[in-house]
Amino acid sequence: RNTGVSFATARWVMFLDSDDVLLNSGAPS
């Protein structure tokens, strides 16, 4: 994760584990 953060360029950083998924249900939020 530290390595990933060092390459990030966006305003916000989100962490996602490789065995999980994002859900569209929260898109408006």
PDB file of all heavy atoms in Angstrom:
ATOM      1  N   ARG A   1       0.837  -1.207   0.000  1.00  0.00           N
ATOM      2  CA  ARG A   1       0.000   0.000   0.000  1.00  0.00           C
ATOM      3  C   ARG A   1       0.871   1.256   0.000  1.00  0.00           C
ATOM      4  O   ARG A   1       0.556   2.244  -0.691  1.00  0.00           O
ATOM      5  CB  ARG A   1      -0.922  -0.002   1.214  1.00  0.00           C
ATOM      6  CG  ARG A   1      -2.089  -0.979   1.100  1.00  0.00           C
ATOM      7  CD  ARG A   1      -2.848  -1.054   2.393  1.00  0.00           C
ATOM      8  NE  ARG A   1      -4.065  -1.859   2.285  1.00  0.00           N
ATOM      9  CZ  ARG A   1      -4.719  -2.367   3.319  1.00  0.00           C
ATOM     10  NH1 ARG A   1      -4.278  -2.143   4.555  1.00  0.00           N
ATOM     11  NH2 ARG A   1      -5.811  -3.075   3.149  1.00  0.00           N
ATOM     12  N   ASN A   2       1.951   1.248   0.772  1.00  0.00           N
ATOM     13  CA  ASN A   2       2.855   2.397   0.799  1.00  0.00           C
ATOM     14  C   ASN A   2       3.416   2.678  -0.589  1.00  0.00           C
ATOM     15  O   ASN A   2       3.504   3.841  -1.020  1.00  0.00           O
ATOM     16  CB  ASN A   2       4.001   2.144   1.781  1.00  0.00           C
ATOM     17  CG  ASN A   2       3.555   2.191   3.232  1.00  0.00           C
ATOM     18  OD1 ASN A   2       2.487   2.713   3.554  1.00  0.00           O
ATOM     19  ND2 ASN A   2       4.365   1.637   4.117  1.00  0.00           N
ATOM     20  N   THR A   3       3.787   1.614  -1.296  1.00  0.00           N
ATOM     21  CA  THR A   3       4.300   1.769  -2.659  1.00  0.00           C
ATOM     22  C   THR A   3       3.226   2.386  -3.558  1.00  0.00           C
ATOM     23  O   THR A   3       3.492   3.310  -4.332  1.00  0.00           O
ATOM     24  CB  THR A   3       4.742   0.410  -3.230  1.00  0.00           C
ATOM     25  OG1 THR A   3       5.800  -0.110  -2.434  1.00  0.00           O
ATOM     26  CG2 THR A   3       5.208   0.555  -4.677  1.00  0.00           C
ATOM     27  N   GLY A   4       1.998   1.886  -3.432  1.00  0.00           N
ATOM     28  CA  GLY A   4       0.905   2.412  -4.246  1.00  0.00           C
ATOM     29  C   GLY A   4       0.655   3.890  -4.000  1.00  0.00           C
ATOM     30  O   GLY A   4       0.465   4.670  -4.946  1.00  0.00           O
ATOM     31  N   VAL A   5       0.686   4.293  -2.739  1.00  0.00           N
ATOM     32  CA  VAL A   5       0.478   5.704  -2.387  1.00  0.00           C
ATOM     33  C   VAL A   5       1.565   6.576  -3.006  1.00  0.00           C
ATOM     34  O   VAL A   5       1.297   7.692  -3.482  1.00  0.00           O
ATOM     35  CB  VAL A   5       0.443   5.883  -0.853  1.00  0.00           C
ATOM     36  CG1 VAL A   5       0.483   7.365  -0.476  1.00  0.00           C
ATOM     37  CG2 VAL A   5      -0.807   5.236  -0.264  1.00  0.00           C
ATOM     38  N   SER A   6       2.782   6.081  -3.031  1.00  0.00           N
ATOM     39  CA  SER A   6       3.891   6.879  -3.573  1.00  0.00           C
ATOM     40  C   SER A   6       3.735   7.144  -5.068  1.00  0.00           C
ATOM     41  O   SER A   6       4.330   8.088  -5.599  1.00  0.00           O
ATOM     42  CB  SER A   6       5.237   6.180  -3.302  1.00  0.00           C
ATOM     43  OG  SER A   6       5.371   5.005  -4.097  1.00  0.00           O
ATOM     44  N   PHE A   7       2.943   6.325  -5.775  1.00  0.00           N
ATOM     45  CA  PHE A   7       2.716   6.515  -7.212  1.00  0.00           C
ATOM     46  C   PHE A   7       1.404   7.238  -7.502  1.00  0.00           C
ATOM     47  O   PHE A   7       1.122   7.572  -8.659  1.00  0.00           O
ATOM     48  CB  PHE A   7       2.726   5.162  -7.937  1.00  0.00           C
ATOM     49  CG  PHE A   7       4.096   4.616  -8.207  1.00  0.00           C
ATOM     50  CD1 PHE A   7       4.751   3.851  -7.259  1.00  0.00           C
ATOM     51  CD2 PHE A   7       4.742   4.885  -9.403  1.00  0.00           C
ATOM     52  CE1 PHE A   7       6.016   3.341  -7.495  1.00  0.00           C
ATOM     53  CE2 PHE A   7       6.013   4.386  -9.655  1.00  0.00           C
ATOM     54  CZ  PHE A   7       6.653   3.616  -8.696  1.00  0.00           C
ATOM     55  N   ALA A   8       0.583   7.459  -6.484  1.00  0.00           N
ATOM     56  CA  ALA A   8      -0.735   8.076  -6.692  1.00  0.00           C
ATOM     57  C   ALA A   8      -0.591   9.538  -7.086  1.00  0.00           C
ATOM     58  O   ALA A   8       0.280  10.253  -6.598  1.00  0.00           O
ATOM     59  CB  ALA A   8      -1.565   7.953  -5.423  1.00  0.00           C
ATOM     60  N   THR A   9      -1.496   9.997  -7.964  1.00  0.00           N
ATOM     61  CA  THR A   9      -1.453  11.394  -8.422  1.00  0.00           C
ATOM     62  C   THR A   9      -2.785  12.117  -8.242  1.00  0.00           C
ATOM     63  O   THR A   9      -2.853  13.325  -8.436  1.00  0.00           O
ATOM     64  CB  THR A   9      -1.070  11.455  -9.915  1.00  0.00           C
ATOM     65  OG1 THR A   9      -2.075  10.783 -10.691  1.00  0.00           O
ATOM     66  CG2 THR A   9       0.287  10.806 -10.169  1.00  0.00           C
ATOM     67  N   ALA A  10      -3.848  11.399  -7.912  1.00  0.00           N
ATOM     68  CA  ALA A  10      -5.175  12.016  -7.807  1.00  0.00           C
ATOM     69  C   ALA A  10      -5.338  12.778  -6.498  1.00  0.00           C
ATOM     70  O   ALA A  10      -4.524  12.664  -5.582  1.00  0.00           O
ATOM     71  CB  ALA A  10      -6.263  10.943  -7.926  1.00  0.00           C
ATOM     72  N   ARG A  11      -6.411  13.547  -6.411  1.00  0.00           N
ATOM     73  CA  ARG A  11      -6.701  14.311  -5.186  1.00  0.00           C
ATOM     74  C   ARG A  11      -7.020  13.367  -4.025  1.00  0.00           C
ATOM     75  O   ARG A  11      -6.617  13.602  -2.894  1.00  0.00           O
ATOM     76  CB  ARG A  11      -7.893  15.244  -5.414  1.00  0.00           C
ATOM     77  CG  ARG A  11      -8.274  16.059  -4.168  1.00  0.00           C
ATOM     78  CD  ARG A  11      -9.591  16.787  -4.398  1.00  0.00           C
ATOM     79  NE  ARG A  11      -9.490  17.764  -5.468  1.00  0.00           N
ATOM     80  CZ  ARG A  11      -9.044  19.010  -5.289  1.00  0.00           C
ATOM     81  NH1 ARG A  11      -8.662  19.401  -4.082  1.00  0.00           N
ATOM     82  NH2 ARG A  11      -8.988  19.847  -6.289  1.00  0.00           N
ATOM     83  N   TRP A  12      -7.755  12.290  -4.318  1.00  0.00           N
ATOM     84  CA  TRP A  12      -8.179  11.340  -3.293  1.00  0.00           C
ATOM     85  C   TRP A  12      -7.539   9.978  -3.529  1.00  0.00           C
ATOM     86  O   TRP A  12      -7.276   9.591  -4.676  1.00  0.00           O
ATOM     87  CB  TRP A  12      -9.705  11.156  -3.297  1.00  0.00           C
ATOM     88  CG  TRP A  12     -10.481  12.391  -2.982  1.00  0.00           C
ATOM     89  CD1 TRP A  12     -11.082  13.237  -3.872  1.00  0.00           C
ATOM     90  CD2 TRP A  12     -10.755  12.940  -1.683  1.00  0.00           C
ATOM     91  NE1 TRP A  12     -11.714  14.263  -3.217  1.00  0.00           N
ATOM     92  CE2 TRP A  12     -11.536  14.108  -1.865  1.00  0.00           C
ATOM     93  CE3 TRP A  12     -10.443  12.553  -0.372  1.00  0.00           C
ATOM     94  CZ2 TRP A  12     -11.983  14.889  -0.801  1.00  0.00           C
ATOM     95  CZ3 TRP A  12     -10.886  13.316   0.695  1.00  0.00           C
ATOM     96  CH2 TRP A  12     -11.646  14.473   0.474  1.00  0.00           C
ATOM     97  N   VAL A  13      -7.316   9.242  -2.442  1.00  0.00           N
ATOM     98  CA  VAL A  13      -6.795   7.872  -2.524  1.00  0.00           C
ATOM     99  C   VAL A  13      -7.791   6.936  -1.864  1.00  0.00           C
ATOM    100  O   VAL A  13      -8.275   7.199  -0.755  1.00  0.00           O
ATOM    101  CB  VAL A  13      -5.415   7.736  -1.845  1.00  0.00           C
ATOM    102  CG1 VAL A  13      -4.963   6.276  -1.837  1.00  0.00           C
ATOM    103  CG2 VAL A  13      -4.382   8.611  -2.549  1.00  0.00           C
ATOM    104  N   MET A  14      -8.104   5.850  -2.555  1.00  0.00           N
ATOM    105  CA  MET A  14      -8.978   4.801  -2.024  1.00  0.00           C
ATOM    106  C   MET A  14      -8.216   3.484  -2.061  1.00  0.00           C
ATOM    107  O   MET A  14      -7.495   3.207  -3.025  1.00  0.00           O
ATOM    108  CB  MET A  14     -10.264   4.697  -2.852  1.00  0.00           C
ATOM    109  CG  MET A  14     -11.158   3.536  -2.474  1.00  0.00           C
ATOM    110  SD  MET A  14     -12.646   3.420  -3.525  1.00  0.00           S
ATOM    111  CE  MET A  14     -13.702   4.599  -2.691  1.00  0.00           C
ATOM    112  N   PHE A  15      -8.373   2.663  -1.026  1.00  0.00           N
ATOM    113  CA  PHE A  15      -7.717   1.361  -0.975  1.00  0.00           C
ATOM    114  C   PHE A  15      -8.743   0.264  -1.233  1.00  0.00           C
ATOM    115  O   PHE A  15      -9.840   0.264  -0.660  1.00  0.00           O
ATOM    116  CB  PHE A  15      -7.037   1.150   0.383  1.00  0.00           C
ATOM    117  CG  PHE A  15      -5.956   2.154   0.670  1.00  0.00           C
ATOM    118  CD1 PHE A  15      -6.208   3.265   1.473  1.00  0.00           C
ATOM    119  CD2 PHE A  15      -4.699   2.019   0.108  1.00  0.00           C
ATOM    120  CE1 PHE A  15      -5.224   4.207   1.717  1.00  0.00           C
ATOM    121  CE2 PHE A  15      -3.704   2.962   0.343  1.00  0.00           C
ATOM    122  CZ  PHE A  15      -3.969   4.063   1.154  1.00  0.00           C
ATOM    123  N   LEU A  16      -8.369  -0.674  -2.105  1.00  0.00           N
ATOM    124  CA  LEU A  16      -9.228  -1.795  -2.455  1.00  0.00           C
ATOM    125  C   LEU A  16      -8.395  -3.066  -2.371  1.00  0.00           C
ATOM    126  O   LEU A  16      -7.359  -3.179  -3.038  1.00  0.00           O
ATOM    127  CB  LEU A  16      -9.783  -1.605  -3.880  1.00  0.00           C
ATOM    128  CG  LEU A  16     -10.562  -2.769  -4.499  1.00  0.00           C
ATOM    129  CD1 LEU A  16     -11.831  -3.061  -3.707  1.00  0.00           C
ATOM    130  CD2 LEU A  16     -10.903  -2.460  -5.963  1.00  0.00           C
ATOM    131  N   ASP A  17      -8.817  -4.020  -1.553  1.00  0.00           N
ATOM    132  CA  ASP A  17      -8.099  -5.287  -1.468  1.00  0.00           C
ATOM    133  C   ASP A  17      -8.374  -6.108  -2.723  1.00  0.00           C
ATOM    134  O   ASP A  17      -9.449  -6.026  -3.323  1.00  0.00           O
ATOM    135  CB  ASP A  17      -8.505  -6.065  -0.220  1.00  0.00           C
ATOM    136  CG  ASP A  17      -7.887  -5.476   1.049  1.00  0.00           C
ATOM    137  OD1 ASP A  17      -6.966  -4.642   0.930  1.00  0.00           O
ATOM    138  OD2 ASP A  17      -8.328  -5.845   2.155  1.00  0.00           O
ATOM    139  N   SER A  18      -7.416  -6.934  -3.093  1.00  0.00           N
ATOM    140  CA  SER A  18      -7.496  -7.655  -4.366  1.00  0.00           C
ATOM    141  C   SER A  18      -8.571  -8.730  -4.390  1.00  0.00           C
ATOM    142  O   SER A  18      -8.894  -9.250  -5.463  1.00  0.00           O
ATOM    143  CB  SER A  18      -6.140  -8.292  -4.679  1.00  0.00           C
ATOM    144  OG  SER A  18      -5.772  -9.197  -3.643  1.00  0.00           O
ATOM    145  N   ASP A  19      -9.144  -9.080  -3.233  1.00  0.00           N
ATOM    146  CA  ASP A  19     -10.208 -10.082  -3.207  1.00  0.00           C
ATOM    147  C   ASP A  19     -11.579  -9.463  -2.937  1.00  0.00           C
ATOM    148  O   ASP A  19     -12.549 -10.173  -2.684  1.00  0.00           O
ATOM    149  CB  ASP A  19      -9.915 -11.175  -2.168  1.00  0.00           C
ATOM    150  CG  ASP A  19      -9.497 -10.617  -0.819  1.00  0.00           C
ATOM    151  OD1 ASP A  19      -9.664  -9.400  -0.603  1.00  0.00           O
ATOM    152  OD2 ASP A  19      -8.999 -11.383   0.015  1.00  0.00           O
ATOM    153  N   ASP A  20     -11.675  -8.130  -2.986  1.00  0.00           N
ATOM    154  CA  ASP A  20     -12.935  -7.430  -2.769  1.00  0.00           C
ATOM    155  C   ASP A  20     -13.354  -6.677  -4.031  1.00  0.00           C
ATOM    156  O   ASP A  20     -12.603  -6.638  -5.015  1.00  0.00           O
ATOM    157  CB  ASP A  20     -12.815  -6.447  -1.593  1.00  0.00           C
ATOM    158  CG  ASP A  20     -12.520  -7.155  -0.282  1.00  0.00           C
ATOM    159  OD1 ASP A  20     -12.866  -8.348  -0.157  1.00  0.00           O
ATOM    160  OD2 ASP A  20     -11.929  -6.518   0.616  1.00  0.00           O
ATOM    161  N   VAL A  21     -14.530  -6.037  -3.992  1.00  0.00           N
ATOM    162  CA  VAL A  21     -15.010  -5.281  -5.155  1.00  0.00           C
ATOM    163  C   VAL A  21     -15.720  -4.006  -4.701  1.00  0.00           C
ATOM    164  O   VAL A  21     -16.230  -3.926  -3.581  1.00  0.00           O
ATOM    165  CB  VAL A  21     -15.990  -6.105  -6.023  1.00  0.00           C
ATOM    166  CG1 VAL A  21     -15.296  -7.288  -6.659  1.00  0.00           C
ATOM    167  CG2 VAL A  21     -17.206  -6.560  -5.215  1.00  0.00           C
ATOM    168  N   LEU A  22     -15.761  -3.014  -5.599  1.00  0.00           N
ATOM    169  CA  LEU A  22     -16.587  -1.830  -5.396  1.00  0.00           C
ATOM    170  C   LEU A  22     -17.994  -2.105  -5.904  1.00  0.00           C
ATOM    171  O   LEU A  22     -18.186  -2.889  -6.833  1.00  0.00           O
ATOM    172  CB  LEU A  22     -16.001  -0.625  -6.139  1.00  0.00           C
ATOM    173  CG  LEU A  22     -14.645  -0.097  -5.672  1.00  0.00           C
ATOM    174  CD1 LEU A  22     -14.317   1.199  -6.413  1.00  0.00           C
ATOM    175  CD2 LEU A  22     -14.615   0.131  -4.176  1.00  0.00           C
ATOM    176  N   LEU A  23     -18.970  -1.431  -5.283  1.00  0.00           N
ATOM    177  CA  LEU A  23     -20.377  -1.611  -5.648  1.00  0.00           C
ATOM    178  C   LEU A  23     -20.952  -0.309  -6.190  1.00  0.00           C
ATOM    179  O   LEU A  23     -20.763   0.750  -5.597  1.00  0.00           O
ATOM    180  CB  LEU A  23     -21.193  -2.053  -4.422  1.00  0.00           C
ATOM    181  CG  LEU A  23     -20.740  -3.339  -3.725  1.00  0.00           C
ATOM    182  CD1 LEU A  23     -21.547  -3.547  -2.454  1.00  0.00           C
ATOM    183  CD2 LEU A  23     -20.887  -4.534  -4.662  1.00  0.00           C
ATOM    184  N   ASN A  24     -21.683  -0.404  -7.266  1.00  0.00           N
ATOM    185  CA  ASN A  24     -22.293   0.777  -7.875  1.00  0.00           C
ATOM    186  C   ASN A  24     -23.350   1.420  -6.999  1.00  0.00           C
ATOM    187  O   ASN A  24     -23.746   2.570  -7.230  1.00  0.00           O
ATOM    188  CB  ASN A  24     -22.914   0.403  -9.226  1.00  0.00           C
ATOM    189  CG  ASN A  24     -21.912   0.530 -10.353  1.00  0.00           C
ATOM    190  OD1 ASN A  24     -21.215   1.527 -10.443  1.00  0.00           O
ATOM    191  ND2 ASN A  24     -21.828  -0.482 -11.189  1.00  0.00           N
ATOM    192  N   SER A  25     -23.833   0.698  -5.992  1.00  0.00           N
ATOM    193  CA  SER A  25     -24.911   1.225  -5.152  1.00  0.00           C
ATOM    194  C   SER A  25     -24.527   2.536  -4.476  1.00  0.00           C
ATOM    195  O   SER A  25     -25.377   3.364  -4.178  1.00  0.00           O
ATOM    196  CB  SER A  25     -25.293   0.195  -4.080  1.00  0.00           C
ATOM    197  OG  SER A  25     -24.164  -0.180  -3.320  1.00  0.00           O
ATOM    198  N   GLY A  26     -23.245   2.732  -4.235  1.00  0.00           N
ATOM    199  CA  GLY A  26     -22.816   3.943  -3.540  1.00  0.00           C
ATOM    200  C   GLY A  26     -22.323   5.053  -4.446  1.00  0.00           C
ATOM    201  O   GLY A  26     -21.719   6.029  -3.973  1.00  0.00           O
ATOM    202  N   ALA A  27     -22.573   4.937  -5.753  1.00  0.00           N
ATOM    203  CA  ALA A  27     -22.058   5.922  -6.708  1.00  0.00           C
ATOM    204  C   ALA A  27     -22.448   7.363  -6.388  1.00  0.00           C
ATOM    205  O   ALA A  27     -21.586   8.260  -6.405  1.00  0.00           O
ATOM    206  CB  ALA A  27     -22.504   5.557  -8.128  1.00  0.00           C
ATOM    207  N   PRO A  28     -23.727   7.662  -6.063  1.00  0.00           N
ATOM    208  CA  PRO A  28     -24.074   9.064  -5.764  1.00  0.00           C
ATOM    209  C   PRO A  28     -23.279   9.634  -4.593  1.00  0.00           C
ATOM    210  O   PRO A  28     -22.831  10.784  -4.630  1.00  0.00           O
ATOM    211  CB  PRO A  28     -25.570   8.990  -5.437  1.00  0.00           C
ATOM    212  CG  PRO A  28     -26.052   7.768  -6.136  1.00  0.00           C
ATOM    213  CD  PRO A  28     -24.925   6.788  -6.038  1.00  0.00           C
ATOM    214  N   SER A  29     -23.098   8.824  -3.549  1.00  0.00           N
ATOM    215  CA  SER A  29     -22.338   9.285  -2.390  1.00  0.00           C
ATOM    216  C   SER A  29     -20.882   9.533  -2.735  1.00  0.00           C
ATOM    217  O   SER A  29     -20.280  10.522  -2.314  1.00  0.00           O
ATOM    218  CB  SER A  29     -22.426   8.260  -1.253  1.00  0.00           C
ATOM    219  OG  SER A  29     -23.741   8.141  -0.778  1.00  0.00           O
TER     220      SER A  29
END
